[in-house]
Amino acid sequence: MQKILLQKEEIPLIARIISIVDAYDVMTHKRSYKEASNKQEALKELKECAGSQFDPELVKEFIDMISSDSESN
């Protein structure tokens, strides 16, 4: 059986979005094996992985959305 590897825009949009949101959620919540990161640390990690692990445009949009949400609170 041949493996099909998807790259960039071949990966469904919803899957790219979920990967960013899930990573942020994992980083900002305590796990049995790791303490939670604060919001700034998590966003920095997402930014560092943009372009390799995460869609860079979606990371930018996510960071803008999270940043503007906390400014309004």
PDB file of N, CA and C in Angstrom:
ATOM      1  N   MET A   1       0.845  -1.183   0.000  1.00  0.00           N
ATOM      2  CA  MET A   1       0.000   0.000   0.000  1.00  0.00           C
ATOM      3  C   MET A   1       0.889   1.245   0.000  1.00  0.00           C
ATOM      4  N   GLN A   2       0.590   2.164  -0.866  1.00  0.00           N
ATOM      5  CA  GLN A   2       1.367   3.396  -1.003  1.00  0.00           C
ATOM      6  C   GLN A   2       0.823   4.471  -0.066  1.00  0.00           C
ATOM      7  N   LYS A   3       1.729   5.148   0.645  1.00  0.00           N
ATOM      8  CA  LYS A   3       1.335   6.246   1.519  1.00  0.00           C
ATOM      9  C   LYS A   3       1.174   7.515   0.696  1.00  0.00           C
ATOM     10  N   ILE A   4       0.167   8.277   1.027  1.00  0.00           N
ATOM     11  CA  ILE A   4      -0.044   9.568   0.383  1.00  0.00           C
ATOM     12  C   ILE A   4       0.317  10.641   1.392  1.00  0.00           C
ATOM     13  N   LEU A   5       1.298  11.456   1.079  1.00  0.00           N
ATOM     14  CA  LEU A   5       1.717  12.542   1.956  1.00  0.00           C
ATOM     15  C   LEU A   5       1.171  13.863   1.432  1.00  0.00           C
ATOM     16  N   LEU A   6       0.425  14.531   2.270  1.00  0.00           N
ATOM     17  CA  LEU A   6      -0.130  15.824   1.905  1.00  0.00           C
ATOM     18  C   LEU A   6       0.780  16.923   2.426  1.00  0.00           C
ATOM     19  N   GLN A   7       0.870  18.004   1.681  1.00  0.00           N
ATOM     20  CA  GLN A   7       1.692  19.135   2.083  1.00  0.00           C
ATOM     21  C   GLN A   7       0.931  20.435   1.860  1.00  0.00           C
ATOM     22  N   LYS A   8       1.243  21.388   2.695  1.00  0.00           N
ATOM     23  CA  LYS A   8       0.731  22.762   2.575  1.00  0.00           C
ATOM     24  C   LYS A   8      -0.769  22.795   2.353  1.00  0.00           C
ATOM     25  N   GLU A   9      -1.221  23.401   1.268  1.00  0.00           N
ATOM     26  CA  GLU A   9      -2.657  23.577   1.026  1.00  0.00           C
ATOM     27  C   GLU A   9      -3.380  22.289   0.666  1.00  0.00           C
ATOM     28  N   GLU A  10      -2.632  21.199   0.435  1.00  0.00           N
ATOM     29  CA  GLU A  10      -3.276  19.905   0.188  1.00  0.00           C
ATOM     30  C   GLU A  10      -3.943  19.386   1.469  1.00  0.00           C
ATOM     31  N   ILE A  11      -3.424  19.814   2.615  1.00  0.00           N
ATOM     32  CA  ILE A  11      -4.004  19.427   3.902  1.00  0.00           C
ATOM     33  C   ILE A  11      -5.298  20.224   4.073  1.00  0.00           C
ATOM     34  N   PRO A  12      -6.397  19.556   4.396  1.00  0.00           N
ATOM     35  CA  PRO A  12      -7.666  20.280   4.545  1.00  0.00           C
ATOM     36  C   PRO A  12      -7.547  21.427   5.550  1.00  0.00           C
ATOM     37  N   LEU A  13      -8.194  22.542   5.235  1.00  0.00           N
ATOM     38  CA  LEU A  13      -8.148  23.741   6.066  1.00  0.00           C
ATOM     39  C   LEU A  13      -8.530  23.443   7.511  1.00  0.00           C
ATOM     40  N   ILE A  14      -9.594  22.694   7.722  1.00  0.00           N
ATOM     41  CA  ILE A  14     -10.040  22.418   9.087  1.00  0.00           C
ATOM     42  C   ILE A  14      -8.980  21.643   9.861  1.00  0.00           C
ATOM     43  N   ALA A  15      -8.255  20.756   9.214  1.00  0.00           N
ATOM     44  CA  ALA A  15      -7.186  19.996   9.877  1.00  0.00           C
ATOM     45  C   ALA A  15      -6.036  20.918  10.272  1.00  0.00           C
ATOM     46  N   ARG A  16      -5.716  21.896   9.423  1.00  0.00           N
ATOM     47  CA  ARG A  16      -4.649  22.854   9.743  1.00  0.00           C
ATOM     48  C   ARG A  16      -5.044  23.744  10.914  1.00  0.00           C
ATOM     49  N   ILE A  17      -6.305  24.127  10.957  1.00  0.00           N
ATOM     50  CA  ILE A  17      -6.802  24.958  12.063  1.00  0.00           C
ATOM     51  C   ILE A  17      -6.789  24.163  13.366  1.00  0.00           C
ATOM     52  N   ILE A  18      -7.311  22.946  13.327  1.00  0.00           N
ATOM     53  CA  ILE A  18      -7.380  22.116  14.531  1.00  0.00           C
ATOM     54  C   ILE A  18      -5.993  21.837  15.084  1.00  0.00           C
ATOM     55  N   SER A  19      -5.003  21.646  14.230  1.00  0.00           N
ATOM     56  CA  SER A  19      -3.655  21.358  14.723  1.00  0.00           C
ATOM     57  C   SER A  19      -3.100  22.526  15.536  1.00  0.00           C
ATOM     58  N   ILE A  20      -3.399  23.746  15.132  1.00  0.00           N
ATOM     59  CA  ILE A  20      -2.937  24.939  15.864  1.00  0.00           C
ATOM     60  C   ILE A  20      -3.688  25.069  17.188  1.00  0.00           C
ATOM     61  N   VAL A  21      -4.996  24.960  17.134  1.00  0.00           N
ATOM     62  CA  VAL A  21      -5.817  25.101  18.347  1.00  0.00           C
ATOM     63  C   VAL A  21      -5.483  24.001  19.345  1.00  0.00           C
ATOM     64  N   ASP A  22      -5.318  22.774  18.873  1.00  0.00           N
ATOM     65  CA  ASP A  22      -4.990  21.659  19.757  1.00  0.00           C
ATOM     66  C   ASP A  22      -3.627  21.857  20.410  1.00  0.00           C
ATOM     67  N   ALA A  23      -2.638  22.271  19.639  1.00  0.00           N
ATOM     68  CA  ALA A  23      -1.299  22.500  20.194  1.00  0.00           C
ATOM     69  C   ALA A  23      -1.344  23.590  21.261  1.00  0.00           C
ATOM     70  N   TYR A  24      -2.062  24.671  20.998  1.00  0.00           N
ATOM     71  CA  TYR A  24      -2.199  25.758  21.977  1.00  0.00           C
ATOM     72  C   TYR A  24      -2.864  25.239  23.249  1.00  0.00           C
ATOM     73  N   ASP A  25      -3.925  24.466  23.102  1.00  0.00           N
ATOM     74  CA  ASP A  25      -4.641  23.910  24.244  1.00  0.00           C
ATOM     75  C   ASP A  25      -3.726  23.008  25.075  1.00  0.00           C
ATOM     76  N   VAL A  26      -2.979  22.145  24.420  1.00  0.00           N
ATOM     77  CA  VAL A  26      -2.068  21.243  25.121  1.00  0.00           C
ATOM     78  C   VAL A  26      -1.005  22.044  25.872  1.00  0.00           C
ATOM     79  N   MET A  27      -0.454  23.067  25.219  1.00  0.00           N
ATOM     80  CA  MET A  27       0.609  23.848  25.855  1.00  0.00           C
ATOM     81  C   MET A  27       0.123  24.666  27.051  1.00  0.00           C
ATOM     82  N   THR A  28      -1.114  25.112  27.017  1.00  0.00           N
ATOM     83  CA  THR A  28      -1.605  26.021  28.058  1.00  0.00           C
ATOM     84  C   THR A  28      -2.371  25.318  29.181  1.00  0.00           C
ATOM     85  N   HIS A  29      -2.421  23.997  29.148  1.00  0.00           N
ATOM     86  CA  HIS A  29      -3.085  23.248  30.216  1.00  0.00           C
ATOM     87  C   HIS A  29      -2.122  22.242  30.823  1.00  0.00           C
ATOM     88  N   LYS A  30      -2.177  22.124  32.128  1.00  0.00           N
ATOM     89  CA  LYS A  30      -1.292  21.222  32.853  1.00  0.00           C
ATOM     90  C   LYS A  30      -1.573  19.774  32.450  1.00  0.00           C
ATOM     91  N   ARG A  31      -0.512  19.025  32.298  1.00  0.00           N
ATOM     92  CA  ARG A  31      -0.594  17.589  32.019  1.00  0.00           C
ATOM     93  C   ARG A  31       0.105  16.855  33.161  1.00  0.00           C
ATOM     94  N   SER A  32      -0.127  15.577  33.274  1.00  0.00           N
ATOM     95  CA  SER A  32       0.515  14.808  34.340  1.00  0.00           C
ATOM     96  C   SER A  32       2.031  14.795  34.196  1.00  0.00           C
ATOM     97  N   TYR A  33       2.511  15.026  32.990  1.00  0.00           N
ATOM     98  CA  TYR A  33       3.947  14.977  32.715  1.00  0.00           C
ATOM     99  C   TYR A  33       4.580  16.359  32.505  1.00  0.00           C
ATOM    100  N   LYS A  34       3.763  17.426  32.548  1.00  0.00           N
ATOM    101  CA  LYS A  34       4.300  18.745  32.224  1.00  0.00           C
ATOM    102  C   LYS A  34       3.399  19.838  32.784  1.00  0.00           C
ATOM    103  N   GLU A  35       4.032  20.884  33.303  1.00  0.00           N
ATOM    104  CA  GLU A  35       3.285  22.063  33.754  1.00  0.00           C
ATOM    105  C   GLU A  35       2.768  22.840  32.538  1.00  0.00           C
ATOM    106  N   ALA A  36       1.747  23.614  32.749  1.00  0.00           N
ATOM    107  CA  ALA A  36       1.192  24.439  31.675  1.00  0.00           C
ATOM    108  C   ALA A  36       2.124  25.608  31.365  1.00  0.00           C
ATOM    109  N   SER A  37       2.199  25.970  30.098  1.00  0.00           N
ATOM    110  CA  SER A  37       2.921  27.172  29.681  1.00  0.00           C
ATOM    111  C   SER A  37       1.958  28.346  29.777  1.00  0.00           C
ATOM    112  N   ASN A  38       2.508  29.548  29.957  1.00  0.00           N
ATOM    113  CA  ASN A  38       1.614  30.707  29.922  1.00  0.00           C
ATOM    114  C   ASN A  38       1.298  31.043  28.459  1.00  0.00           C
ATOM    115  N   LYS A  39       0.353  31.935  28.297  1.00  0.00           N
ATOM    116  CA  LYS A  39      -0.130  32.285  26.959  1.00  0.00           C
ATOM    117  C   LYS A  39       1.000  32.769  26.053  1.00  0.00           C
ATOM    118  N   GLN A  40       1.869  33.631  26.560  1.00  0.00           N
ATOM    119  CA  GLN A  40       2.959  34.189  25.751  1.00  0.00           C
ATOM    120  C   GLN A  40       3.927  33.095  25.291  1.00  0.00           C
ATOM    121  N   GLU A  41       4.249  32.163  26.189  1.00  0.00           N
ATOM    122  CA  GLU A  41       5.145  31.062  25.821  1.00  0.00           C
ATOM    123  C   GLU A  41       4.526  30.188  24.736  1.00  0.00           C
ATOM    124  N   ALA A  42       3.243  29.905  24.870  1.00  0.00           N
ATOM    125  CA  ALA A  42       2.551  29.067  23.894  1.00  0.00           C
ATOM    126  C   ALA A  42       2.508  29.749  22.523  1.00  0.00           C
ATOM    127  N   LEU A  43       2.202  31.043  22.510  1.00  0.00           N
ATOM    128  CA  LEU A  43       2.152  31.770  21.233  1.00  0.00           C
ATOM    129  C   LEU A  43       3.536  31.845  20.599  1.00  0.00           C
ATOM    130  N   LYS A  44       4.571  31.997  21.420  1.00  0.00           N
ATOM    131  CA  LYS A  44       5.944  32.020  20.911  1.00  0.00           C
ATOM    132  C   LYS A  44       6.287  30.687  20.257  1.00  0.00           C
ATOM    133  N   GLU A  45       5.905  29.597  20.894  1.00  0.00           N
ATOM    134  CA  GLU A  45       6.156  28.260  20.340  1.00  0.00           C
ATOM    135  C   GLU A  45       5.429  28.062  19.010  1.00  0.00           C
ATOM    136  N   LEU A  46       4.179  28.503  18.932  1.00  0.00           N
ATOM    137  CA  LEU A  46       3.437  28.408  17.676  1.00  0.00           C
ATOM    138  C   LEU A  46       4.138  29.199  16.579  1.00  0.00           C
ATOM    139  N   LYS A  47       4.576  30.404  16.936  1.00  0.00           N
ATOM    140  CA  LYS A  47       5.263  31.265  15.966  1.00  0.00           C
ATOM    141  C   LYS A  47       6.554  30.603  15.473  1.00  0.00           C
ATOM    142  N   GLU A  48       7.300  29.977  16.388  1.00  0.00           N
ATOM    143  CA  GLU A  48       8.550  29.319  16.019  1.00  0.00           C
ATOM    144  C   GLU A  48       8.324  28.112  15.108  1.00  0.00           C
ATOM    145  N   CYS A  49       7.173  27.474  15.238  1.00  0.00           N
ATOM    146  CA  CYS A  49       6.878  26.286  14.430  1.00  0.00           C
ATOM    147  C   CYS A  49       6.083  26.616  13.164  1.00  0.00           C
ATOM    148  N   ALA A  50       5.727  27.878  12.991  1.00  0.00           N
ATOM    149  CA  ALA A  50       4.994  28.292  11.785  1.00  0.00           C
ATOM    150  C   ALA A  50       5.886  28.088  10.564  1.00  0.00           C
ATOM    151  N   GLY A  51       5.339  27.455   9.555  1.00  0.00           N
ATOM    152  CA  GLY A  51       6.091  27.214   8.333  1.00  0.00           C
ATOM    153  C   GLY A  51       6.681  25.815   8.271  1.00  0.00           C
ATOM    154  N   SER A  52       6.811  25.165   9.428  1.00  0.00           N
ATOM    155  CA  SER A  52       7.300  23.783   9.414  1.00  0.00           C
ATOM    156  C   SER A  52       6.202  22.841   9.920  1.00  0.00           C
ATOM    157  N   GLN A  53       5.720  23.086  11.123  1.00  0.00           N
ATOM    158  CA  GLN A  53       4.672  22.240  11.687  1.00  0.00           C
ATOM    159  C   GLN A  53       3.274  22.815  11.448  1.00  0.00           C
ATOM    160  N   PHE A  54       3.176  24.137  11.423  1.00  0.00           N
ATOM    161  CA  PHE A  54       1.878  24.794  11.295  1.00  0.00           C
ATOM    162  C   PHE A  54       1.852  25.740  10.104  1.00  0.00           C
ATOM    163  N   ASP A  55       0.653  25.943   9.574  1.00  0.00           N
ATOM    164  CA  ASP A  55       0.439  26.888   8.478  1.00  0.00           C
ATOM    165  C   ASP A  55       0.764  28.295   8.982  1.00  0.00           C
ATOM    166  N   PRO A  56       1.750  28.962   8.383  1.00  0.00           N
ATOM    167  CA  PRO A  56       2.179  30.271   8.898  1.00  0.00           C
ATOM    168  C   PRO A  56       1.089  31.343   8.846  1.00  0.00           C
ATOM    169  N   GLU A  57       0.260  31.341   7.835  1.00  0.00           N
ATOM    170  CA  GLU A  57      -0.818  32.334   7.745  1.00  0.00           C
ATOM    171  C   GLU A  57      -1.864  32.092   8.824  1.00  0.00           C
ATOM    172  N   LEU A  58      -2.189  30.834   9.063  1.00  0.00           N
ATOM    173  CA  LEU A  58      -3.179  30.522  10.094  1.00  0.00           C
ATOM    174  C   LEU A  58      -2.634  30.810  11.492  1.00  0.00           C
ATOM    175  N   VAL A  59      -1.342  30.578  11.713  1.00  0.00           N
ATOM    176  CA  VAL A  59      -0.733  30.915  13.000  1.00  0.00           C
ATOM    177  C   VAL A  59      -0.841  32.415  13.237  1.00  0.00           C
ATOM    178  N   LYS A  60      -0.549  33.203  12.211  1.00  0.00           N
ATOM    179  CA  LYS A  60      -0.648  34.659  12.339  1.00  0.00           C
ATOM    180  C   LYS A  60      -2.080  35.057  12.704  1.00  0.00           C
ATOM    181  N   GLU A  61      -3.057  34.495  12.007  1.00  0.00           N
ATOM    182  CA  GLU A  61      -4.465  34.801  12.295  1.00  0.00           C
ATOM    183  C   GLU A  61      -4.844  34.381  13.714  1.00  0.00           C
ATOM    184  N   PHE A  62      -4.383  33.203  14.135  1.00  0.00           N
ATOM    185  CA  PHE A  62      -4.684  32.714  15.478  1.00  0.00           C
ATOM    186  C   PHE A  62      -4.091  33.634  16.539  1.00  0.00           C
ATOM    187  N   ILE A  63      -2.838  34.016  16.357  1.00  0.00           N
ATOM    188  CA  ILE A  63      -2.180  34.903  17.320  1.00  0.00           C
ATOM    189  C   ILE A  63      -2.892  36.251  17.377  1.00  0.00           C
ATOM    190  N   ASP A  64      -3.259  36.787  16.221  1.00  0.00           N
ATOM    191  CA  ASP A  64      -4.003  38.060  16.192  1.00  0.00           C
ATOM    192  C   ASP A  64      -5.338  37.924  16.937  1.00  0.00           C
ATOM    193  N   MET A  65      -6.022  36.807  16.719  1.00  0.00           N
ATOM    194  CA  MET A  65      -7.321  36.586  17.343  1.00  0.00           C
ATOM    195  C   MET A  65      -7.170  36.438  18.868  1.00  0.00           C
ATOM    196  N   ILE A  66      -6.214  35.644  19.306  1.00  0.00           N
ATOM    197  CA  ILE A  66      -5.991  35.436  20.738  1.00  0.00           C
ATOM    198  C   ILE A  66      -5.557  36.751  21.405  1.00  0.00           C
ATOM    199  N   SER A  67      -4.686  37.486  20.733  1.00  0.00           N
ATOM    200  CA  SER A  67      -4.193  38.761  21.288  1.00  0.00           C
ATOM    201  C   SER A  67      -5.318  39.783  21.398  1.00  0.00           C
ATOM    202  N   SER A  68      -6.144  39.898  20.378  1.00  0.00           N
ATOM    203  CA  SER A  68      -7.230  40.885  20.427  1.00  0.00           C
ATOM    204  C   SER A  68      -8.294  40.472  21.430  1.00  0.00           C
ATOM    205  N   ASP A  69      -8.494  39.174  21.627  1.00  0.00           N
ATOM    206  CA  ASP A  69      -9.470  38.701  22.610  1.00  0.00           C
ATOM    207  C   ASP A  69      -9.038  39.082  24.024  1.00  0.00           C
ATOM    208  N   SER A  70      -7.748  38.935  24.320  1.00  0.00           N
ATOM    209  CA  SER A  70      -7.283  39.282  25.671  1.00  0.00           C
ATOM    210  C   SER A  70      -7.228  40.783  25.895  1.00  0.00           C
ATOM    211  N   GLU A  71      -7.074  41.554  24.826  1.00  0.00           N
ATOM    212  CA  GLU A  71      -7.081  43.013  24.968  1.00  0.00           C
ATOM    213  C   GLU A  71      -8.474  43.527  25.295  1.00  0.00           C
ATOM    214  N   SER A  72      -9.491  42.830  24.807  1.00  0.00           N
ATOM    215  CA  SER A  72     -10.867  43.274  25.059  1.00  0.00           C
ATOM    216  C   SER A  72     -11.372  42.851  26.427  1.00  0.00           C
ATOM    217  N   ASN A  73     -10.650  41.956  27.112  1.00  0.00           N
ATOM    218  CA  ASN A  73     -11.059  41.504  28.458  1.00  0.00           C
ATOM    219  C   ASN A  73     -10.440  42.336  29.530  1.00  0.00           C
TER     220      ASN A  73
END
